[in-house]
Amino acid sequence: MDTNTTRRTLLLAAPALLLATPALALTPVDQAMVDKAVAYLQGLPTARGRFVQTDPRGSVSQGLIYLQRPGRARFEYDAPSSLLVVSDGKVVSVADKRLKTVNRYFLSQTPLKLFLADEIRLDRGVTVSRVTKLNDGFEITAQDRAGKTRGQIVLTFSDSPMQLIGWKITDARNAVTQVRLTSLTRAGELDPNLFRAPFPQQPTRR
């Protein structure tokens, strides 16, 4: 796997440079699916599971995921990858454990903030540009209405059971980084150390 490419395209850290898409009027059926997704995410304060990530070059990596709203996440990649991604609630750190390097980004500038917020809202500050019905679920395409998050995220949900099963980000060159959740279960209290920024603090990228 090309570590540099993976670090650049990592869905959690690199804001995609995608121009805003005009908002479309949602049908009642579309709005019902959005409301269903919001209720599910709002009812998922903590979770753990496993993920499989595919980068634009087709390289596949996987690992453990931990989520704790508001704002906290940890993506711990399996060997041979040495990547570790941690959101501490304000800053997302992308670390290479082998090289002892780290890049940091404000969570507010990443599409990840859409489903790590304390109060999940897809009707305020966010543009839902598309709702797509699938055979066994649906997808919601959303962007930051204010343009502070220069990216587009597509959240994918299953219907039976209702569950977040993945997401993807597309950049200005139509390169897609996709994550599939192979398991995601509600968790009890998670160790706060999981969400501590790795390595010494460095200036955050704006």
C-alpha atoms as a PDB file:
ATOM      1  CA  MET A   1       0.000   0.000   0.000  1.00  0.00           C
ATOM      2  CA  ASP A   2       1.183   3.508  -0.842  1.00  0.00           C
ATOM      3  CA  THR A   3       1.290   5.072   2.631  1.00  0.00           C
ATOM      4  CA  ASN A   4       1.607   8.625   1.333  1.00  0.00           C
ATOM      5  CA  THR A   5      -1.428   8.204  -0.909  1.00  0.00           C
ATOM      6  CA  THR A   6      -3.404   6.670   1.934  1.00  0.00           C
ATOM      7  CA  ARG A   7      -2.500   9.545   4.226  1.00  0.00           C
ATOM      8  CA  ARG A   8      -3.494  12.146   1.652  1.00  0.00           C
ATOM      9  CA  THR A   9      -6.821  10.554   0.795  1.00  0.00           C
ATOM     10  CA  LEU A  10      -7.816   9.383   4.243  1.00  0.00           C
ATOM     11  CA  LEU A  11     -11.502  10.040   4.616  1.00  0.00           C
ATOM     12  CA  LEU A  12     -11.171  11.362   8.127  1.00  0.00           C
ATOM     13  CA  ALA A  13      -8.454  13.912   7.661  1.00  0.00           C
ATOM     14  CA  ALA A  14      -8.210  15.453   4.231  1.00  0.00           C
ATOM     15  CA  PRO A  15     -11.075  17.795   3.347  1.00  0.00           C
ATOM     16  CA  ALA A  16     -12.116  16.961  -0.207  1.00  0.00           C
ATOM     17  CA  LEU A  17     -11.945  19.864  -2.649  1.00  0.00           C
ATOM     18  CA  LEU A  18     -15.374  19.489  -4.206  1.00  0.00           C
ATOM     19  CA  LEU A  19     -17.524  22.375  -5.396  1.00  0.00           C
ATOM     20  CA  ALA A  20     -20.889  22.753  -3.715  1.00  0.00           C
ATOM     21  CA  THR A  21     -23.844  20.958  -5.280  1.00  0.00           C
ATOM     22  CA  PRO A  22     -27.149  22.869  -5.514  1.00  0.00           C
ATOM     23  CA  ALA A  23     -29.709  21.630  -2.982  1.00  0.00           C
ATOM     24  CA  LEU A  24     -32.650  19.670  -4.336  1.00  0.00           C
ATOM     25  CA  ALA A  25     -36.140  19.743  -2.851  1.00  0.00           C
ATOM     26  CA  LEU A  26     -36.672  16.504  -0.952  1.00  0.00           C
ATOM     27  CA  THR A  27     -39.793  14.477  -1.530  1.00  0.00           C
ATOM     28  CA  PRO A  28     -41.763  13.309   1.520  1.00  0.00           C
ATOM     29  CA  VAL A  29     -40.290   9.832   1.028  1.00  0.00           C
ATOM     30  CA  ASP A  30     -36.749  11.250   0.871  1.00  0.00           C
ATOM     31  CA  GLN A  31     -37.352  13.348   3.988  1.00  0.00           C
ATOM     32  CA  ALA A  32     -38.657  10.314   5.841  1.00  0.00           C
ATOM     33  CA  MET A  33     -35.399   8.469   5.093  1.00  0.00           C
ATOM     34  CA  VAL A  34     -33.343  11.466   6.257  1.00  0.00           C
ATOM     35  CA  ASP A  35     -35.368  11.632   9.485  1.00  0.00           C
ATOM     36  CA  LYS A  36     -34.852   7.893  10.004  1.00  0.00           C
ATOM     37  CA  ALA A  37     -31.083   8.274   9.569  1.00  0.00           C
ATOM     38  CA  VAL A  38     -30.930  11.225  11.965  1.00  0.00           C
ATOM     39  CA  ALA A  39     -32.872   9.316  14.636  1.00  0.00           C
ATOM     40  CA  TYR A  40     -30.542   6.335  14.282  1.00  0.00           C
ATOM     41  CA  LEU A  41     -27.359   8.415  14.512  1.00  0.00           C
ATOM     42  CA  GLN A  42     -28.713  10.439  17.407  1.00  0.00           C
ATOM     43  CA  GLY A  43     -29.375   7.196  19.256  1.00  0.00           C
ATOM     44  CA  LEU A  44     -25.801   5.953  18.758  1.00  0.00           C
ATOM     45  CA  PRO A  45     -23.669   7.831  21.313  1.00  0.00           C
ATOM     46  CA  THR A  46     -20.903   5.202  21.369  1.00  0.00           C
ATOM     47  CA  ALA A  47     -19.981   2.373  19.034  1.00  0.00           C
ATOM     48  CA  ARG A  48     -17.160   0.027  18.110  1.00  0.00           C
ATOM     49  CA  GLY A  49     -16.496  -2.304  15.218  1.00  0.00           C
ATOM     50  CA  ARG A  50     -14.296  -2.978  12.219  1.00  0.00           C
ATOM     51  CA  PHE A  51     -13.864  -1.172   8.918  1.00  0.00           C
ATOM     52  CA  VAL A  52     -12.457  -1.820   5.454  1.00  0.00           C
ATOM     53  CA  GLN A  53     -11.119   1.199   3.557  1.00  0.00           C
ATOM     54  CA  THR A  54     -10.503   1.390  -0.190  1.00  0.00           C
ATOM     55  CA  ASP A  55      -8.493   4.350  -1.478  1.00  0.00           C
ATOM     56  CA  PRO A  56      -8.707   5.889  -4.980  1.00  0.00           C
ATOM     57  CA  ARG A  57      -5.970   3.562  -6.255  1.00  0.00           C
ATOM     58  CA  GLY A  58      -7.857   0.502  -5.084  1.00  0.00           C
ATOM     59  CA  SER A  59      -5.556  -0.245  -2.140  1.00  0.00           C
ATOM     60  CA  VAL A  60      -7.427  -1.888   0.716  1.00  0.00           C
ATOM     61  CA  SER A  61      -6.708  -1.549   4.426  1.00  0.00           C
ATOM     62  CA  GLN A  62      -8.719  -2.423   7.487  1.00  0.00           C
ATOM     63  CA  GLY A  63      -8.796  -2.060  11.235  1.00  0.00           C
ATOM     64  CA  LEU A  64     -10.758  -1.189  14.373  1.00  0.00           C
ATOM     65  CA  ILE A  65     -13.123   1.754  14.735  1.00  0.00           C
ATOM     66  CA  TYR A  66     -14.331   3.456  17.913  1.00  0.00           C
ATOM     67  CA  LEU A  67     -16.899   6.273  17.918  1.00  0.00           C
ATOM     68  CA  GLN A  68     -18.050   8.450  20.784  1.00  0.00           C
ATOM     69  CA  ARG A  69     -20.246  11.471  20.162  1.00  0.00           C
ATOM     70  CA  PRO A  70     -19.732  14.307  20.325  1.00  0.00           C
ATOM     71  CA  GLY A  71     -16.677  14.502  18.128  1.00  0.00           C
ATOM     72  CA  ARG A  72     -14.544  11.541  19.131  1.00  0.00           C
ATOM     73  CA  ALA A  73     -13.354   8.752  16.866  1.00  0.00           C
ATOM     74  CA  ARG A  74     -10.438   6.358  16.526  1.00  0.00           C
ATOM     75  CA  PHE A  75      -9.410   4.388  13.435  1.00  0.00           C
ATOM     76  CA  GLU A  76      -6.685   1.922  14.331  1.00  0.00           C
ATOM     77  CA  TYR A  77      -5.289   0.288  11.187  1.00  0.00           C
ATOM     78  CA  ASP A  78      -4.135  -3.314  11.129  1.00  0.00           C
ATOM     79  CA  ALA A  79      -0.533  -4.180  10.233  1.00  0.00           C
ATOM     80  CA  PRO A  80       1.269  -3.747   7.917  1.00  0.00           C
ATOM     81  CA  SER A  81      -0.223  -0.236   7.936  1.00  0.00           C
ATOM     82  CA  SER A  82       1.180   1.993  10.665  1.00  0.00           C
ATOM     83  CA  LEU A  83      -1.570   4.611  10.438  1.00  0.00           C
ATOM     84  CA  LEU A  84      -3.635   5.759  13.404  1.00  0.00           C
ATOM     85  CA  VAL A  85      -6.393   8.363  13.118  1.00  0.00           C
ATOM     86  CA  VAL A  86      -7.813   9.982  16.244  1.00  0.00           C
ATOM     87  CA  SER A  87     -10.407  12.727  16.667  1.00  0.00           C
ATOM     88  CA  ASP A  88     -10.345  14.195  20.186  1.00  0.00           C
ATOM     89  CA  GLY A  89     -13.502  16.237  19.711  1.00  0.00           C
ATOM     90  CA  LYS A  90     -11.881  19.267  18.110  1.00  0.00           C
ATOM     91  CA  VAL A  91      -8.854  18.080  16.127  1.00  0.00           C
ATOM     92  CA  VAL A  92      -8.311  15.063  13.885  1.00  0.00           C
ATOM     93  CA  SER A  93      -4.770  13.636  14.108  1.00  0.00           C
ATOM     94  CA  VAL A  94      -3.413  11.430  11.321  1.00  0.00           C
ATOM     95  CA  ALA A  95      -0.359   9.661  12.719  1.00  0.00           C
ATOM     96  CA  ASP A  96       2.217   7.255  11.366  1.00  0.00           C
ATOM     97  CA  LYS A  97       3.213   5.167  14.365  1.00  0.00           C
ATOM     98  CA  ARG A  98       6.305   3.801  12.632  1.00  0.00           C
ATOM     99  CA  LEU A  99       7.691   7.172  11.545  1.00  0.00           C
ATOM    100  CA  LYS A 100       6.399   9.039  14.638  1.00  0.00           C
ATOM    101  CA  THR A 101       4.858  11.737  12.457  1.00  0.00           C
ATOM    102  CA  VAL A 102       1.447  13.366  12.676  1.00  0.00           C
ATOM    103  CA  ASN A 103      -0.703  15.805  10.698  1.00  0.00           C
ATOM    104  CA  ARG A 104      -3.616  17.563  12.393  1.00  0.00           C
ATOM    105  CA  TYR A 105      -6.827  19.069  11.016  1.00  0.00           C
ATOM    106  CA  PHE A 106      -9.780  20.785  12.648  1.00  0.00           C
ATOM    107  CA  LEU A 107     -12.715  18.368  12.925  1.00  0.00           C
ATOM    108  CA  SER A 108     -14.998  21.204  11.811  1.00  0.00           C
ATOM    109  CA  GLN A 109     -13.231  21.181   8.420  1.00  0.00           C
ATOM    110  CA  THR A 110     -13.850  17.491   7.754  1.00  0.00           C
ATOM    111  CA  PRO A 111     -17.027  15.761   6.553  1.00  0.00           C
ATOM    112  CA  LEU A 112     -16.759  13.469   9.577  1.00  0.00           C
ATOM    113  CA  LYS A 113     -18.329  16.178  11.704  1.00  0.00           C
ATOM    114  CA  LEU A 114     -21.692  15.463  10.072  1.00  0.00           C
ATOM    115  CA  PHE A 115     -22.285  12.325  12.132  1.00  0.00           C
ATOM    116  CA  LEU A 116     -20.093  13.014  15.154  1.00  0.00           C
ATOM    117  CA  ALA A 117     -21.998  16.124  16.231  1.00  0.00           C
ATOM    118  CA  ASP A 118     -23.629  16.290  19.646  1.00  0.00           C
ATOM    119  CA  GLU A 119     -26.954  16.979  17.964  1.00  0.00           C
ATOM    120  CA  ILE A 120     -27.266  15.365  14.539  1.00  0.00           C
ATOM    121  CA  ARG A 121     -28.925  17.868  12.187  1.00  0.00           C
ATOM    122  CA  LEU A 122     -29.225  17.394   8.450  1.00  0.00           C
ATOM    123  CA  ASP A 123     -31.639  20.299   8.098  1.00  0.00           C
ATOM    124  CA  ARG A 124     -29.511  23.104   9.525  1.00  0.00           C
ATOM    125  CA  GLY A 125     -26.091  24.085   8.235  1.00  0.00           C
ATOM    126  CA  VAL A 126     -26.012  21.061   5.937  1.00  0.00           C
ATOM    127  CA  THR A 127     -27.199  20.618   2.374  1.00  0.00           C
ATOM    128  CA  VAL A 128     -28.675  17.226   1.538  1.00  0.00           C
ATOM    129  CA  SER A 129     -28.197  17.128  -2.209  1.00  0.00           C
ATOM    130  CA  ARG A 130     -29.478  13.615  -2.850  1.00  0.00           C
ATOM    131  CA  VAL A 131     -31.300  10.703  -1.220  1.00  0.00           C
ATOM    132  CA  THR A 132     -30.990   7.399  -3.081  1.00  0.00           C
ATOM    133  CA  LYS A 133     -33.106   4.329  -2.329  1.00  0.00           C
ATOM    134  CA  LEU A 134     -31.229   1.032  -2.542  1.00  0.00           C
ATOM    135  CA  ASN A 135     -32.531  -2.531  -2.600  1.00  0.00           C
ATOM    136  CA  ASP A 136     -31.668  -3.050   1.046  1.00  0.00           C
ATOM    137  CA  GLY A 137     -31.264   0.496   2.339  1.00  0.00           C
ATOM    138  CA  PHE A 138     -30.548   4.046   1.235  1.00  0.00           C
ATOM    139  CA  GLU A 139     -27.814   6.663   0.766  1.00  0.00           C
ATOM    140  CA  ILE A 140     -27.701  10.313   1.819  1.00  0.00           C
ATOM    141  CA  THR A 141     -25.364  12.760   0.093  1.00  0.00           C
ATOM    142  CA  ALA A 142     -24.575  15.799   2.258  1.00  0.00           C
ATOM    143  CA  GLN A 143     -22.335  18.858   2.294  1.00  0.00           C
ATOM    144  CA  ASP A 144     -21.627  21.743   4.624  1.00  0.00           C
ATOM    145  CA  ARG A 145     -23.949  24.530   3.525  1.00  0.00           C
ATOM    146  CA  ALA A 146     -21.567  27.249   4.712  1.00  0.00           C
ATOM    147  CA  GLY A 147     -18.698  25.831   2.674  1.00  0.00           C
ATOM    148  CA  LYS A 148     -16.367  25.483   5.663  1.00  0.00           C
ATOM    149  CA  THR A 149     -16.163  21.758   5.002  1.00  0.00           C
ATOM    150  CA  ARG A 150     -15.074  21.639   1.387  1.00  0.00           C
ATOM    151  CA  GLY A 151     -16.207  18.133   0.690  1.00  0.00           C
ATOM    152  CA  GLN A 152     -19.029  15.743   0.016  1.00  0.00           C
ATOM    153  CA  ILE A 153     -19.898  12.706   2.048  1.00  0.00           C
ATOM    154  CA  VAL A 154     -22.286   9.907   1.148  1.00  0.00           C
ATOM    155  CA  LEU A 155     -23.628   7.991   4.136  1.00  0.00           C
ATOM    156  CA  THR A 156     -24.965   4.488   3.452  1.00  0.00           C
ATOM    157  CA  PHE A 157     -27.543   2.812   5.684  1.00  0.00           C
ATOM    158  CA  SER A 158     -29.165  -0.613   5.713  1.00  0.00           C
ATOM    159  CA  ASP A 159     -32.879  -1.008   6.442  1.00  0.00           C
ATOM    160  CA  SER A 160     -33.016  -4.372   8.208  1.00  0.00           C
ATOM    161  CA  PRO A 161     -31.576  -3.774  10.675  1.00  0.00           C
ATOM    162  CA  MET A 162     -31.319  -0.001  10.509  1.00  0.00           C
ATOM    163  CA  GLN A 163     -27.576   0.598  10.611  1.00  0.00           C
ATOM    164  CA  LEU A 164     -24.795   2.805   9.269  1.00  0.00           C
ATOM    165  CA  ILE A 165     -22.801   0.494   7.007  1.00  0.00           C
ATOM    166  CA  GLY A 166     -20.336   2.888   5.401  1.00  0.00           C
ATOM    167  CA  TRP A 167     -19.560   6.168   3.707  1.00  0.00           C
ATOM    168  CA  LYS A 168     -17.493   7.581   0.868  1.00  0.00           C
ATOM    169  CA  ILE A 169     -15.878  10.879  -0.025  1.00  0.00           C
ATOM    170  CA  THR A 170     -15.269  12.169  -3.551  1.00  0.00           C
ATOM    171  CA  ASP A 171     -12.691  14.865  -4.269  1.00  0.00           C
ATOM    172  CA  ALA A 172     -12.412  17.432  -7.050  1.00  0.00           C
ATOM    173  CA  ARG A 173     -10.752  14.889  -9.330  1.00  0.00           C
ATOM    174  CA  ASN A 174     -13.605  12.414  -8.776  1.00  0.00           C
ATOM    175  CA  ALA A 175     -11.279  10.225  -6.714  1.00  0.00           C
ATOM    176  CA  VAL A 176     -13.284   8.197  -4.215  1.00  0.00           C
ATOM    177  CA  THR A 177     -12.183   7.014  -0.791  1.00  0.00           C
ATOM    178  CA  GLN A 178     -14.668   4.529   0.625  1.00  0.00           C
ATOM    179  CA  VAL A 179     -15.168   2.906   4.008  1.00  0.00           C
ATOM    180  CA  ARG A 180     -17.288  -0.172   4.631  1.00  0.00           C
ATOM    181  CA  LEU A 181     -18.207  -1.076   8.190  1.00  0.00           C
ATOM    182  CA  THR A 182     -18.080  -4.857   8.536  1.00  0.00           C
ATOM    183  CA  SER A 183     -19.427  -4.613  12.067  1.00  0.00           C
ATOM    184  CA  LEU A 184     -20.646  -1.722  14.171  1.00  0.00           C
ATOM    185  CA  THR A 185     -22.255  -2.304  17.543  1.00  0.00           C
ATOM    186  CA  ARG A 186     -23.320  -0.031  20.348  1.00  0.00           C
ATOM    187  CA  ALA A 187     -20.694   0.206  23.041  1.00  0.00           C
ATOM    188  CA  GLY A 188     -20.800   1.070  26.694  1.00  0.00           C
ATOM    189  CA  GLU A 189     -18.338   3.465  28.249  1.00  0.00           C
ATOM    190  CA  LEU A 190     -15.150   3.690  26.186  1.00  0.00           C
ATOM    191  CA  ASP A 191     -11.666   4.345  27.560  1.00  0.00           C
ATOM    192  CA  PRO A 192     -10.957   8.115  27.219  1.00  0.00           C
ATOM    193  CA  ASN A 193      -7.352   7.252  26.280  1.00  0.00           C
ATOM    194  CA  LEU A 194      -8.620   5.931  22.945  1.00  0.00           C
ATOM    195  CA  PHE A 195      -9.306   9.505  21.862  1.00  0.00           C
ATOM    196  CA  ARG A 196      -6.155  11.237  23.048  1.00  0.00           C
ATOM    197  CA  ALA A 197      -4.138  12.881  20.291  1.00  0.00           C
ATOM    198  CA  PRO A 198      -1.010  10.833  19.480  1.00  0.00           C
ATOM    199  CA  PHE A 199       2.491  12.312  19.774  1.00  0.00           C
ATOM    200  CA  PRO A 200       3.323  15.898  20.792  1.00  0.00           C
ATOM    201  CA  GLN A 201       0.999  18.653  19.690  1.00  0.00           C
ATOM    202  CA  GLN A 202       1.895  20.388  16.441  1.00  0.00           C
ATOM    203  CA  PRO A 203       0.277  23.303  14.582  1.00  0.00           C
ATOM    204  CA  THR A 204      -3.122  22.361  13.163  1.00  0.00           C
ATOM    205  CA  ARG A 205      -3.623  22.699   9.420  1.00  0.00           C
ATOM    206  CA  ARG A 206      -6.199  25.251   8.342  1.00  0.00           C
END
